[in-house]
Amino acid sequence: MHERCGIWVSHKEAVIVKLSSDSYSIDRIESQAERRHKSTGGVRGKFPYAHRSAMSGARDEENRRNDWKRHYQSILKALPQDAEILVMGPGPAKSGFVAYLKEHAGPALEVVGVQPAAHMTQGQLVERVKTAFGQETRAH
């Protein structure tokens, strides 16, 4: 039987909601990816007034992508082997994670939806996942 999971993913963190018939559990995974920072141009290298090479920018971007892949890998490890997954989140992290799943996950993991979502409280996230999978939510 497929477990049902909702994942809110960004490049900073992921929150996984695992549903069962009458309860749920939540896992939070922090990313170790470094944030992109804007150079102010005030960096001096070994040689004063030398131009910082364009290669270092490309190297920084490659390092960031590798950090994101490690983040996606840690999320995948936290998922059940056999699950239906709803992926949510802001920006490109959700589509990057879905692409990673298609490449690295087994056929038992099925992505049932990808939705844009801003930051949510834990309660809002649980409600959204329950609604997406047709489970009864709390009464207002």
Protein backbone atom coordinates (compact mmCIF):
# COMPACT_ATOMS: atom_id res chain seq x y z
CA MET A 1 0.00 0.00 0.00
CA HIS A 2 1.23 3.47 -0.90
CA GLU A 3 1.93 5.89 1.90
CA ARG A 4 0.88 9.46 1.25
CA CYS A 5 3.35 12.30 1.73
CA GLY A 6 3.36 16.02 1.17
CA ILE A 7 6.69 17.80 0.82
CA TRP A 8 7.21 21.53 1.08
CA VAL A 9 10.65 22.10 -0.37
CA SER A 10 12.91 25.12 -0.80
CA HIS A 11 16.66 25.35 -1.20
CA LYS A 12 16.91 26.17 2.53
CA GLU A 13 14.79 23.39 4.02
CA ALA A 14 12.18 20.73 3.42
CA VAL A 15 9.17 19.75 5.51
CA ILE A 16 7.76 16.27 4.96
CA VAL A 17 4.22 15.41 6.11
CA LYS A 18 3.57 11.65 6.20
CA LEU A 19 -0.10 10.74 6.46
CA SER A 20 -1.57 7.59 7.94
CA SER A 21 -5.24 6.72 8.28
CA ASP A 22 -5.76 8.60 11.55
CA SER A 23 -2.59 10.59 12.22
CA TYR A 24 0.43 12.21 10.64
CA SER A 25 4.11 12.77 11.28
CA ILE A 26 6.34 15.67 10.29
CA ASP A 27 10.05 15.64 9.46
CA ARG A 28 12.09 18.78 8.87
CA ILE A 29 15.32 18.66 6.85
CA GLU A 30 17.66 21.64 6.81
CA SER A 31 19.78 22.28 3.73
CA GLN A 32 23.51 22.85 4.00
CA ALA A 33 23.49 24.83 0.75
CA GLU A 34 25.18 28.20 0.95
CA ARG A 35 23.11 31.19 0.04
CA ARG A 36 24.07 33.11 -3.05
CA HIS A 37 25.65 36.35 -1.99
CA LYS A 38 26.11 39.44 -4.03
CA SER A 39 29.69 40.53 -4.43
CA THR A 40 30.29 44.11 -3.46
CA GLY A 41 33.46 44.24 -5.50
CA GLY A 42 35.55 44.85 -2.40
CA VAL A 43 37.27 41.48 -2.37
CA ARG A 44 41.02 41.47 -2.75
CA GLY A 45 42.91 38.43 -3.76
CA LYS A 46 46.61 37.64 -3.69
CA PHE A 47 47.29 40.38 -6.20
CA PRO A 48 45.84 43.78 -5.32
CA TYR A 49 43.50 45.30 -7.88
CA ALA A 50 43.39 42.09 -9.92
CA HIS A 51 40.02 41.14 -11.44
CA ARG A 52 38.25 38.27 -9.75
CA SER A 53 37.96 35.68 -12.48
CA ALA A 54 34.64 34.67 -13.97
CA MET A 55 35.58 31.08 -13.20
CA SER A 56 35.10 31.62 -9.48
CA GLY A 57 31.47 32.65 -10.13
CA ALA A 58 30.92 29.53 -12.21
CA ARG A 59 32.61 27.45 -9.51
CA ASP A 60 30.34 29.00 -6.86
CA GLU A 61 27.26 28.15 -8.94
CA GLU A 62 28.44 24.56 -9.44
CA ASN A 63 29.06 24.20 -5.69
CA ARG A 64 25.55 25.51 -4.99
CA ARG A 65 24.01 23.01 -7.42
CA ASN A 66 25.92 20.17 -5.76
CA ASP A 67 24.66 21.37 -2.37
CA TRP A 68 21.11 21.32 -3.72
CA LYS A 69 21.59 17.76 -5.02
CA ARG A 70 22.79 16.68 -1.56
CA HIS A 71 19.72 18.38 -0.07
CA TYR A 72 17.43 16.51 -2.50
CA GLN A 73 19.24 13.26 -1.66
CA SER A 74 18.63 13.74 2.07
CA ILE A 75 14.93 14.40 1.38
CA LEU A 76 14.68 11.25 -0.74
CA LYS A 77 16.28 9.20 2.05
CA ALA A 78 13.62 10.46 4.48
CA LEU A 79 10.74 9.32 2.24
CA PRO A 80 9.09 5.90 2.45
CA GLN A 81 10.09 3.47 -0.32
CA ASP A 82 6.50 3.21 -1.57
CA ALA A 83 4.66 6.53 -1.56
CA GLU A 84 2.42 8.95 -3.39
CA ILE A 85 4.00 12.39 -3.13
CA LEU A 86 2.63 15.91 -3.39
CA VAL A 87 5.47 18.40 -3.91
CA MET A 88 4.97 22.04 -2.93
CA GLY A 89 7.16 25.06 -2.46
CA PRO A 90 8.29 28.44 -3.68
CA GLY A 91 10.59 29.05 -6.61
CA PRO A 92 12.52 26.47 -8.61
CA ALA A 93 13.33 24.07 -5.76
CA LYS A 94 10.15 22.04 -6.22
CA SER A 95 10.77 21.40 -9.94
CA GLY A 96 14.43 20.65 -9.22
CA PHE A 97 13.39 18.09 -6.62
CA VAL A 98 10.85 16.47 -8.98
CA ALA A 99 13.56 16.18 -11.67
CA TYR A 100 15.88 14.63 -9.08
CA LEU A 101 13.15 12.13 -8.11
CA LYS A 102 12.58 11.12 -11.73
CA GLU A 103 16.29 10.40 -12.10
CA HIS A 104 17.06 8.75 -8.74
CA ALA A 105 13.87 7.34 -7.18
CA GLY A 106 12.43 3.94 -7.84
CA PRO A 107 9.14 3.35 -9.63
CA ALA A 108 7.29 2.94 -6.31
CA LEU A 109 7.55 6.69 -5.62
CA GLU A 110 4.82 8.46 -7.55
CA VAL A 111 4.57 12.25 -7.80
CA VAL A 112 0.84 13.01 -7.82
CA GLY A 113 1.13 16.77 -8.00
CA VAL A 114 3.40 19.80 -7.97
CA GLN A 115 1.97 23.01 -6.54
CA PRO A 116 3.38 26.46 -5.87
CA ALA A 117 3.18 27.34 -2.19
CA ALA A 118 4.52 30.15 -0.04
CA HIS A 119 5.75 29.54 3.49
CA MET A 120 3.04 27.93 5.59
CA THR A 121 2.56 27.11 9.22
CA GLN A 122 2.78 23.46 10.19
CA GLY A 123 -1.02 23.32 10.57
CA GLN A 124 -1.63 24.89 7.16
CA LEU A 125 0.76 22.42 5.56
CA VAL A 126 -0.92 19.41 7.16
CA GLU A 127 -4.37 20.69 6.13
CA ARG A 128 -3.23 21.22 2.54
CA VAL A 129 -1.73 17.73 2.30
CA LYS A 130 -4.83 16.10 3.83
CA THR A 131 -7.08 18.00 1.43
CA ALA A 132 -4.95 17.01 -1.57
CA PHE A 133 -5.24 13.33 -0.64
CA GLY A 134 -8.95 13.52 0.22
CA GLN A 135 -8.58 12.99 3.95
CA GLU A 136 -10.92 14.66 6.37
CA THR A 137 -9.55 17.85 7.88
CA ARG A 138 -10.43 19.43 11.19
CA ALA A 139 -13.64 21.43 11.43
CA HIS A 140 -13.32 25.21 11.61
